[in-house]
N, C-alpha and C. Protein backbone atom coordinates (compact mmCIF):
# COMPACT_ATOMS: atom_id res chain seq x y z
N MET A 1 3.79 51.71 -5.33
CA MET A 1 3.61 50.28 -5.45
C MET A 1 3.67 49.89 -6.92
N ILE A 2 4.27 48.76 -7.21
CA ILE A 2 4.45 48.31 -8.59
C ILE A 2 3.25 47.50 -9.00
N GLU A 3 2.65 47.86 -10.12
CA GLU A 3 1.52 47.13 -10.67
C GLU A 3 2.03 45.94 -11.47
N SER A 4 1.38 44.80 -11.34
CA SER A 4 1.76 43.60 -12.07
C SER A 4 0.74 43.35 -13.18
N ASN A 5 1.24 42.94 -14.33
CA ASN A 5 0.37 42.61 -15.45
C ASN A 5 -0.05 41.14 -15.42
N LEU A 6 0.48 40.37 -14.45
CA LEU A 6 0.16 38.95 -14.36
C LEU A 6 -1.12 38.74 -13.56
N SER A 7 -1.90 37.78 -13.98
CA SER A 7 -3.07 37.40 -13.19
C SER A 7 -2.60 36.49 -12.05
N GLU A 8 -3.52 36.09 -11.20
CA GLU A 8 -3.15 35.19 -10.11
C GLU A 8 -2.71 33.83 -10.64
N PHE A 9 -3.28 33.42 -11.76
CA PHE A 9 -2.85 32.16 -12.37
C PHE A 9 -1.45 32.29 -12.95
N GLY A 10 -1.10 33.45 -13.44
CA GLY A 10 0.25 33.68 -13.95
C GLY A 10 1.28 33.58 -12.84
N VAL A 11 0.97 34.14 -11.69
CA VAL A 11 1.87 34.04 -10.54
C VAL A 11 2.01 32.58 -10.12
N LEU A 12 0.90 31.86 -10.09
CA LEU A 12 0.92 30.44 -9.74
C LEU A 12 1.77 29.64 -10.74
N LEU A 13 1.64 29.97 -12.03
CA LEU A 13 2.43 29.30 -13.05
C LEU A 13 3.92 29.57 -12.86
N ILE A 14 4.28 30.78 -12.48
CA ILE A 14 5.69 31.10 -12.24
C ILE A 14 6.21 30.29 -11.05
N PHE A 15 5.42 30.14 -9.99
CA PHE A 15 5.85 29.34 -8.85
C PHE A 15 6.02 27.88 -9.23
N ILE A 16 5.11 27.34 -10.02
CA ILE A 16 5.22 25.94 -10.44
C ILE A 16 6.45 25.73 -11.31
N LEU A 17 6.66 26.63 -12.26
CA LEU A 17 7.84 26.52 -13.12
C LEU A 17 9.13 26.68 -12.32
N GLY A 18 9.12 27.58 -11.34
CA GLY A 18 10.29 27.74 -10.47
C GLY A 18 10.58 26.49 -9.68
N ALA A 19 9.54 25.83 -9.16
CA ALA A 19 9.73 24.59 -8.39
C ALA A 19 10.27 23.49 -9.28
N LEU A 20 9.72 23.36 -10.49
CA LEU A 20 10.22 22.34 -11.41
C LEU A 20 11.67 22.62 -11.80
N LEU A 21 11.99 23.87 -12.08
CA LEU A 21 13.37 24.24 -12.45
C LEU A 21 14.32 23.93 -11.30
N PHE A 22 13.91 24.25 -10.06
CA PHE A 22 14.74 23.97 -8.89
C PHE A 22 15.01 22.48 -8.76
N ALA A 23 13.97 21.65 -8.94
CA ALA A 23 14.14 20.21 -8.83
C ALA A 23 15.05 19.66 -9.92
N VAL A 24 14.83 20.09 -11.15
CA VAL A 24 15.63 19.59 -12.27
C VAL A 24 17.08 20.01 -12.13
N VAL A 25 17.34 21.26 -11.78
CA VAL A 25 18.72 21.73 -11.60
C VAL A 25 19.39 20.97 -10.47
N GLY A 26 18.69 20.74 -9.38
CA GLY A 26 19.27 19.98 -8.27
C GLY A 26 19.62 18.55 -8.66
N LEU A 27 18.73 17.89 -9.39
CA LEU A 27 19.01 16.51 -9.82
C LEU A 27 20.16 16.45 -10.82
N LEU A 28 20.19 17.38 -11.76
CA LEU A 28 21.29 17.39 -12.74
C LEU A 28 22.62 17.71 -12.08
N ALA A 29 22.62 18.65 -11.14
CA ALA A 29 23.87 18.99 -10.45
C ALA A 29 24.39 17.80 -9.66
N SER A 30 23.51 17.09 -8.98
CA SER A 30 23.96 15.93 -8.22
C SER A 30 24.45 14.82 -9.14
N ARG A 31 23.86 14.72 -10.33
CA ARG A 31 24.30 13.70 -11.30
C ARG A 31 25.71 13.97 -11.78
N PHE A 32 26.05 15.23 -12.00
CA PHE A 32 27.38 15.56 -12.54
C PHE A 32 28.44 15.63 -11.45
N ILE A 33 28.07 15.93 -10.21
CA ILE A 33 29.05 16.09 -9.13
C ILE A 33 29.42 14.77 -8.48
N ARG A 34 28.47 13.86 -8.32
CA ARG A 34 28.73 12.65 -7.56
C ARG A 34 29.71 11.72 -8.28
N PRO A 35 30.44 10.93 -7.50
CA PRO A 35 31.31 9.93 -8.13
C PRO A 35 30.47 8.76 -8.64
N ASN A 36 30.90 8.17 -9.73
CA ASN A 36 30.17 7.05 -10.32
C ASN A 36 31.14 5.89 -10.50
N ARG A 37 31.27 5.06 -9.47
CA ARG A 37 32.16 3.90 -9.51
C ARG A 37 31.39 2.66 -9.07
N PRO A 38 30.54 2.11 -9.94
CA PRO A 38 29.79 0.92 -9.54
C PRO A 38 30.69 -0.31 -9.47
N ASN A 39 30.39 -1.19 -8.54
CA ASN A 39 31.06 -2.48 -8.45
C ASN A 39 30.03 -3.53 -8.05
N PHE A 40 30.46 -4.76 -7.93
CA PHE A 40 29.53 -5.85 -7.65
C PHE A 40 28.81 -5.64 -6.32
N GLU A 41 29.57 -5.22 -5.30
CA GLU A 41 28.98 -5.06 -3.97
C GLU A 41 27.93 -3.96 -3.95
N LYS A 42 28.17 -2.87 -4.66
CA LYS A 42 27.22 -1.76 -4.69
C LYS A 42 25.96 -2.11 -5.48
N LEU A 43 26.05 -3.00 -6.43
CA LEU A 43 24.91 -3.34 -7.27
C LEU A 43 24.05 -4.47 -6.69
N THR A 44 24.47 -5.05 -5.56
CA THR A 44 23.66 -6.10 -4.95
C THR A 44 22.50 -5.48 -4.17
N THR A 45 21.50 -6.30 -3.90
CA THR A 45 20.34 -5.85 -3.15
C THR A 45 20.70 -5.72 -1.69
N TYR A 46 20.33 -4.59 -1.09
CA TYR A 46 20.61 -4.36 0.33
C TYR A 46 19.38 -4.74 1.13
N GLU A 47 19.55 -5.66 2.05
CA GLU A 47 18.44 -6.14 2.86
C GLU A 47 18.87 -6.11 4.32
N SER A 48 18.87 -4.93 4.91
CA SER A 48 19.21 -4.74 6.32
C SER A 48 20.58 -5.31 6.66
N GLY A 49 21.51 -5.20 5.76
CA GLY A 49 22.86 -5.67 6.01
C GLY A 49 23.06 -7.15 5.83
N GLU A 50 22.01 -7.86 5.49
CA GLU A 50 22.10 -9.31 5.31
C GLU A 50 22.05 -9.65 3.82
N ASP A 51 22.71 -10.74 3.46
CA ASP A 51 22.61 -11.22 2.09
C ASP A 51 21.22 -11.78 1.86
N THR A 52 20.68 -11.51 0.69
CA THR A 52 19.34 -12.00 0.38
C THR A 52 19.37 -13.50 0.14
N VAL A 53 18.29 -14.16 0.54
CA VAL A 53 18.17 -15.60 0.37
C VAL A 53 16.86 -15.87 -0.34
N GLY A 54 16.92 -16.52 -1.47
CA GLY A 54 15.70 -16.90 -2.18
C GLY A 54 15.09 -15.75 -2.95
N SER A 55 13.85 -15.96 -3.35
CA SER A 55 13.13 -15.00 -4.17
C SER A 55 12.40 -14.00 -3.28
N ALA A 56 12.11 -12.84 -3.85
CA ALA A 56 11.35 -11.83 -3.12
C ALA A 56 9.86 -12.17 -3.10
N TRP A 57 9.45 -13.16 -3.83
CA TRP A 57 8.04 -13.54 -3.91
C TRP A 57 7.71 -14.59 -2.86
N GLY A 58 8.07 -14.33 -1.62
CA GLY A 58 7.82 -15.29 -0.55
C GLY A 58 6.37 -15.27 -0.10
N GLN A 59 5.95 -16.36 0.49
CA GLN A 59 4.59 -16.47 1.00
C GLN A 59 4.51 -15.85 2.38
N PHE A 60 3.40 -15.20 2.67
CA PHE A 60 3.15 -14.70 4.00
C PHE A 60 1.69 -14.99 4.34
N ASN A 61 1.40 -14.87 5.61
CA ASN A 61 0.06 -15.18 6.09
C ASN A 61 -0.92 -14.14 5.55
N LEU A 62 -1.97 -14.60 4.90
CA LEU A 62 -2.95 -13.71 4.29
C LEU A 62 -3.75 -12.93 5.33
N ARG A 63 -3.77 -13.37 6.56
CA ARG A 63 -4.52 -12.67 7.59
C ARG A 63 -3.94 -11.28 7.88
N PHE A 64 -2.64 -11.12 7.72
CA PHE A 64 -2.06 -9.79 7.91
C PHE A 64 -2.69 -8.80 6.94
N TYR A 65 -2.86 -9.21 5.71
CA TYR A 65 -3.45 -8.37 4.67
C TYR A 65 -4.92 -8.06 4.99
N ILE A 66 -5.66 -9.06 5.40
CA ILE A 66 -7.09 -8.87 5.69
C ILE A 66 -7.28 -7.96 6.90
N VAL A 67 -6.49 -8.16 7.94
CA VAL A 67 -6.61 -7.31 9.13
C VAL A 67 -6.22 -5.87 8.78
N ALA A 68 -5.21 -5.69 7.95
CA ALA A 68 -4.82 -4.34 7.54
C ALA A 68 -5.94 -3.67 6.76
N LEU A 69 -6.59 -4.40 5.87
CA LEU A 69 -7.71 -3.83 5.11
C LEU A 69 -8.88 -3.46 6.02
N ILE A 70 -9.18 -4.32 6.97
CA ILE A 70 -10.28 -4.02 7.90
C ILE A 70 -9.93 -2.80 8.74
N PHE A 71 -8.69 -2.71 9.19
CA PHE A 71 -8.27 -1.55 9.98
C PHE A 71 -8.40 -0.27 9.17
N ILE A 72 -7.93 -0.28 7.93
CA ILE A 72 -8.02 0.93 7.10
C ILE A 72 -9.47 1.29 6.83
N LEU A 73 -10.30 0.30 6.58
CA LEU A 73 -11.72 0.56 6.33
C LEU A 73 -12.36 1.26 7.52
N PHE A 74 -12.19 0.73 8.71
CA PHE A 74 -12.81 1.33 9.89
C PHE A 74 -12.15 2.65 10.26
N GLU A 75 -10.86 2.78 10.04
CA GLU A 75 -10.18 4.04 10.34
C GLU A 75 -10.69 5.16 9.45
N VAL A 76 -10.85 4.88 8.18
CA VAL A 76 -11.36 5.89 7.25
C VAL A 76 -12.80 6.24 7.58
N GLU A 77 -13.58 5.27 7.94
CA GLU A 77 -14.98 5.55 8.25
C GLU A 77 -15.11 6.35 9.54
N ILE A 78 -14.25 6.13 10.49
CA ILE A 78 -14.30 6.89 11.74
C ILE A 78 -13.92 8.35 11.51
N ILE A 79 -13.11 8.61 10.51
CA ILE A 79 -12.74 10.00 10.20
C ILE A 79 -13.99 10.82 9.87
N TYR A 80 -15.01 10.18 9.34
CA TYR A 80 -16.24 10.91 9.01
C TYR A 80 -17.02 11.35 10.24
N LEU A 81 -16.70 10.83 11.41
CA LEU A 81 -17.41 11.23 12.62
C LEU A 81 -17.07 12.66 13.04
N PHE A 82 -15.87 13.12 12.80
CA PHE A 82 -15.47 14.46 13.24
C PHE A 82 -16.18 15.56 12.47
N PRO A 83 -16.20 15.53 11.12
CA PRO A 83 -16.97 16.57 10.43
C PRO A 83 -18.46 16.48 10.74
N TRP A 84 -18.95 15.28 10.94
CA TRP A 84 -20.36 15.13 11.29
C TRP A 84 -20.67 15.87 12.59
N ALA A 85 -19.80 15.73 13.57
CA ALA A 85 -20.02 16.38 14.86
C ALA A 85 -20.01 17.90 14.71
N LEU A 86 -19.17 18.41 13.82
CA LEU A 86 -19.12 19.87 13.63
C LEU A 86 -20.33 20.39 12.88
N VAL A 87 -20.73 19.69 11.82
CA VAL A 87 -21.84 20.18 11.00
C VAL A 87 -23.17 20.00 11.71
N PHE A 88 -23.40 18.84 12.27
CA PHE A 88 -24.69 18.56 12.88
C PHE A 88 -24.80 19.09 14.30
N GLY A 89 -23.71 19.57 14.86
CA GLY A 89 -23.76 20.12 16.20
C GLY A 89 -23.97 21.63 16.21
N ASP A 90 -24.40 22.20 15.09
CA ASP A 90 -24.61 23.64 14.99
C ASP A 90 -25.81 24.03 15.85
N GLU A 91 -25.55 24.81 16.88
CA GLU A 91 -26.59 25.16 17.84
C GLU A 91 -27.71 25.99 17.21
N ALA A 92 -27.37 26.85 16.26
CA ALA A 92 -28.40 27.68 15.62
C ALA A 92 -29.38 26.82 14.83
N LEU A 93 -28.87 25.79 14.13
CA LEU A 93 -29.76 24.91 13.38
C LEU A 93 -30.63 24.07 14.31
N VAL A 94 -30.07 23.63 15.41
CA VAL A 94 -30.82 22.80 16.34
C VAL A 94 -31.97 23.60 16.94
N ARG A 95 -31.69 24.80 17.38
CA ARG A 95 -32.75 25.61 17.99
C ARG A 95 -33.72 26.15 16.94
N GLY A 96 -33.22 26.45 15.75
CA GLY A 96 -34.08 26.99 14.70
C GLY A 96 -35.05 25.99 14.12
N THR A 97 -34.74 24.72 14.21
CA THR A 97 -35.63 23.69 13.67
C THR A 97 -36.38 22.95 14.76
N ASP A 98 -36.37 23.50 15.95
CA ASP A 98 -37.09 22.91 17.08
C ASP A 98 -36.64 21.47 17.32
N TRP A 99 -35.35 21.26 17.36
CA TRP A 99 -34.68 19.99 17.65
C TRP A 99 -34.88 18.92 16.58
N GLN A 100 -35.52 19.22 15.48
CA GLN A 100 -35.65 18.22 14.41
C GLN A 100 -34.30 17.94 13.76
N TRP A 101 -33.47 18.96 13.64
CA TRP A 101 -32.14 18.79 13.07
C TRP A 101 -31.31 17.85 13.95
N ALA A 102 -31.40 17.99 15.25
CA ALA A 102 -30.65 17.13 16.17
C ALA A 102 -31.11 15.68 16.07
N TRP A 103 -32.43 15.46 15.99
CA TRP A 103 -32.94 14.09 15.86
C TRP A 103 -32.52 13.47 14.53
N PHE A 104 -32.55 14.26 13.47
CA PHE A 104 -32.10 13.77 12.16
C PHE A 104 -30.62 13.39 12.22
N ALA A 105 -29.82 14.25 12.84
CA ALA A 105 -28.38 13.99 12.93
C ALA A 105 -28.10 12.72 13.74
N MET A 106 -28.79 12.57 14.86
CA MET A 106 -28.57 11.38 15.68
C MET A 106 -29.03 10.11 14.97
N THR A 107 -30.15 10.18 14.29
CA THR A 107 -30.64 9.01 13.54
C THR A 107 -29.65 8.63 12.44
N GLU A 108 -29.17 9.64 11.73
CA GLU A 108 -28.21 9.36 10.66
C GLU A 108 -26.94 8.74 11.20
N MET A 109 -26.45 9.24 12.34
CA MET A 109 -25.21 8.70 12.88
C MET A 109 -25.41 7.29 13.43
N PHE A 110 -26.56 7.01 14.02
CA PHE A 110 -26.80 5.64 14.49
C PHE A 110 -26.88 4.67 13.31
N ILE A 111 -27.43 5.10 12.20
CA ILE A 111 -27.44 4.25 11.00
C ILE A 111 -26.01 4.01 10.52
N PHE A 112 -25.21 5.06 10.50
CA PHE A 112 -23.81 4.96 10.07
C PHE A 112 -23.04 4.01 10.98
N ILE A 113 -23.18 4.17 12.28
CA ILE A 113 -22.48 3.30 13.22
C ILE A 113 -23.04 1.88 13.14
N GLY A 114 -24.33 1.74 12.85
CA GLY A 114 -24.92 0.41 12.67
C GLY A 114 -24.32 -0.32 11.48
N VAL A 115 -24.10 0.40 10.39
CA VAL A 115 -23.46 -0.22 9.22
C VAL A 115 -22.03 -0.64 9.57
N LEU A 116 -21.32 0.19 10.32
CA LEU A 116 -19.98 -0.18 10.77
C LEU A 116 -20.02 -1.43 11.66
N ALA A 117 -21.00 -1.47 12.55
CA ALA A 117 -21.12 -2.63 13.44
C ALA A 117 -21.46 -3.90 12.65
N LEU A 118 -22.31 -3.77 11.62
CA LEU A 118 -22.59 -4.93 10.78
C LEU A 118 -21.33 -5.42 10.06
N GLY A 119 -20.53 -4.48 9.57
CA GLY A 119 -19.26 -4.86 8.93
C GLY A 119 -18.33 -5.56 9.89
N LEU A 120 -18.25 -5.06 11.13
CA LEU A 120 -17.41 -5.69 12.13
C LEU A 120 -17.94 -7.08 12.49
N ALA A 121 -19.26 -7.20 12.64
CA ALA A 121 -19.86 -8.51 12.95
C ALA A 121 -19.61 -9.50 11.81
N TYR A 122 -19.69 -9.03 10.57
CA TYR A 122 -19.43 -9.91 9.42
C TYR A 122 -17.99 -10.40 9.43
N ALA A 123 -17.04 -9.48 9.67
CA ALA A 123 -15.63 -9.87 9.70
C ALA A 123 -15.37 -10.83 10.86
N TRP A 124 -16.01 -10.60 11.99
CA TRP A 124 -15.85 -11.46 13.14
C TRP A 124 -16.45 -12.84 12.87
N ARG A 125 -17.64 -12.87 12.27
CA ARG A 125 -18.33 -14.13 11.98
C ARG A 125 -17.55 -14.97 10.96
N LYS A 126 -16.94 -14.31 9.98
CA LYS A 126 -16.16 -15.03 8.98
C LYS A 126 -14.84 -15.55 9.54
N GLY A 127 -14.46 -15.07 10.73
CA GLY A 127 -13.22 -15.54 11.35
C GLY A 127 -12.00 -14.76 10.93
N TYR A 128 -12.20 -13.59 10.32
CA TYR A 128 -11.05 -12.80 9.89
C TYR A 128 -10.29 -12.21 11.06
N LEU A 129 -10.90 -12.11 12.21
CA LEU A 129 -10.25 -11.51 13.36
C LEU A 129 -9.68 -12.56 14.31
N ASP A 130 -9.86 -13.83 14.01
CA ASP A 130 -9.34 -14.90 14.86
C ASP A 130 -7.89 -15.19 14.49
N TRP A 131 -7.06 -15.31 15.48
CA TRP A 131 -5.66 -15.63 15.27
C TRP A 131 -5.37 -16.95 15.96
N VAL A 132 -4.53 -17.74 15.34
CA VAL A 132 -4.13 -19.01 15.94
C VAL A 132 -3.05 -18.68 16.96
N ARG A 133 -3.32 -19.05 18.19
CA ARG A 133 -2.35 -18.76 19.24
C ARG A 133 -1.31 -19.87 19.28
N PRO A 134 -0.05 -19.49 19.43
CA PRO A 134 0.98 -20.52 19.54
C PRO A 134 0.86 -21.22 20.90
N PRO A 135 1.29 -22.48 20.95
CA PRO A 135 1.21 -23.19 22.24
C PRO A 135 2.13 -22.53 23.26
N GLN A 136 1.66 -22.50 24.50
CA GLN A 136 2.44 -21.90 25.58
C GLN A 136 3.59 -22.84 25.96
N LYS A 137 4.77 -22.29 26.05
CA LYS A 137 5.94 -23.07 26.44
C LYS A 137 6.20 -22.83 27.92
N VAL A 138 6.36 -23.89 28.64
CA VAL A 138 6.67 -23.78 30.06
C VAL A 138 8.18 -23.71 30.20
N ALA A 139 8.63 -22.70 30.90
CA ALA A 139 10.07 -22.52 31.07
C ALA A 139 10.62 -23.57 32.03
N SER A 140 11.78 -24.09 31.72
CA SER A 140 12.41 -25.09 32.59
C SER A 140 13.45 -24.44 33.49
N PHE A 141 13.53 -23.12 33.47
CA PHE A 141 14.52 -22.41 34.27
C PHE A 141 14.12 -22.41 35.74
N LYS A 142 15.03 -22.73 36.60
CA LYS A 142 14.80 -22.72 38.05
C LYS A 142 15.61 -21.57 38.63
N SER A 143 14.91 -20.62 39.20
CA SER A 143 15.56 -19.44 39.77
C SER A 143 16.03 -19.74 41.18
N LYS A 144 17.10 -19.08 41.60
CA LYS A 144 17.59 -19.23 42.96
C LYS A 144 16.77 -18.38 43.93
N ILE A 145 15.99 -17.43 43.37
CA ILE A 145 15.16 -16.57 44.21
C ILE A 145 13.85 -17.29 44.46
N PRO A 146 13.39 -17.36 45.71
CA PRO A 146 12.13 -18.07 45.98
C PRO A 146 10.93 -17.35 45.36
N ALA A 147 9.90 -18.10 45.01
CA ALA A 147 8.71 -17.54 44.37
C ALA A 147 7.97 -16.55 45.27
N GLU A 148 8.10 -16.70 46.59
CA GLU A 148 7.42 -15.80 47.52
C GLU A 148 7.96 -14.37 47.41
N ALA A 149 9.19 -14.21 46.97
CA ALA A 149 9.78 -12.87 46.87
C ALA A 149 9.10 -12.05 45.78
N TYR A 150 8.50 -12.70 44.80
CA TYR A 150 7.85 -11.98 43.70
C TYR A 150 6.42 -11.58 44.03
N LYS A 151 5.82 -12.19 45.05
CA LYS A 151 4.41 -11.95 45.35
C LYS A 151 4.12 -10.51 45.74
N LYS A 152 5.06 -9.82 46.36
CA LYS A 152 4.79 -8.45 46.77
C LYS A 152 4.78 -7.50 45.58
N TYR A 153 5.28 -7.91 44.42
CA TYR A 153 5.28 -7.07 43.22
C TYR A 153 4.08 -7.33 42.32
N LEU A 154 3.28 -8.35 42.59
CA LEU A 154 2.13 -8.67 41.75
C LEU A 154 0.92 -7.88 42.09
């Protein structure tokens, strides 16, 4: 077996330098190989095949942003429930502490869920979760099929 004079950090440094060298060589090779013929059409902004209209600084409904923030907040907080279940569900600790560990864990989790519920109640009370519903449009289409024919599918 061949003995290495490098430490584990030396091996790690060689891998990092190799990755950087691979990336740089790949980018430089693509730069020299690719054709470079810019024209007006290639330099325009591509927006799903459509020509852009107006400025990119358009207004949008702020509720989308608020709902996204609330979703991310609760999603991240719910992630903490899984490690909690693993750590506090240790059977040896529960039996070794005469169920005091289990009561502590349950109390802590109810406090955690209570804080989440308060946050949800606050967002609900402020009206961040209310959406304006568009008015219902009644269709003026008259079908040749009688309405009774659809009742068996409902």
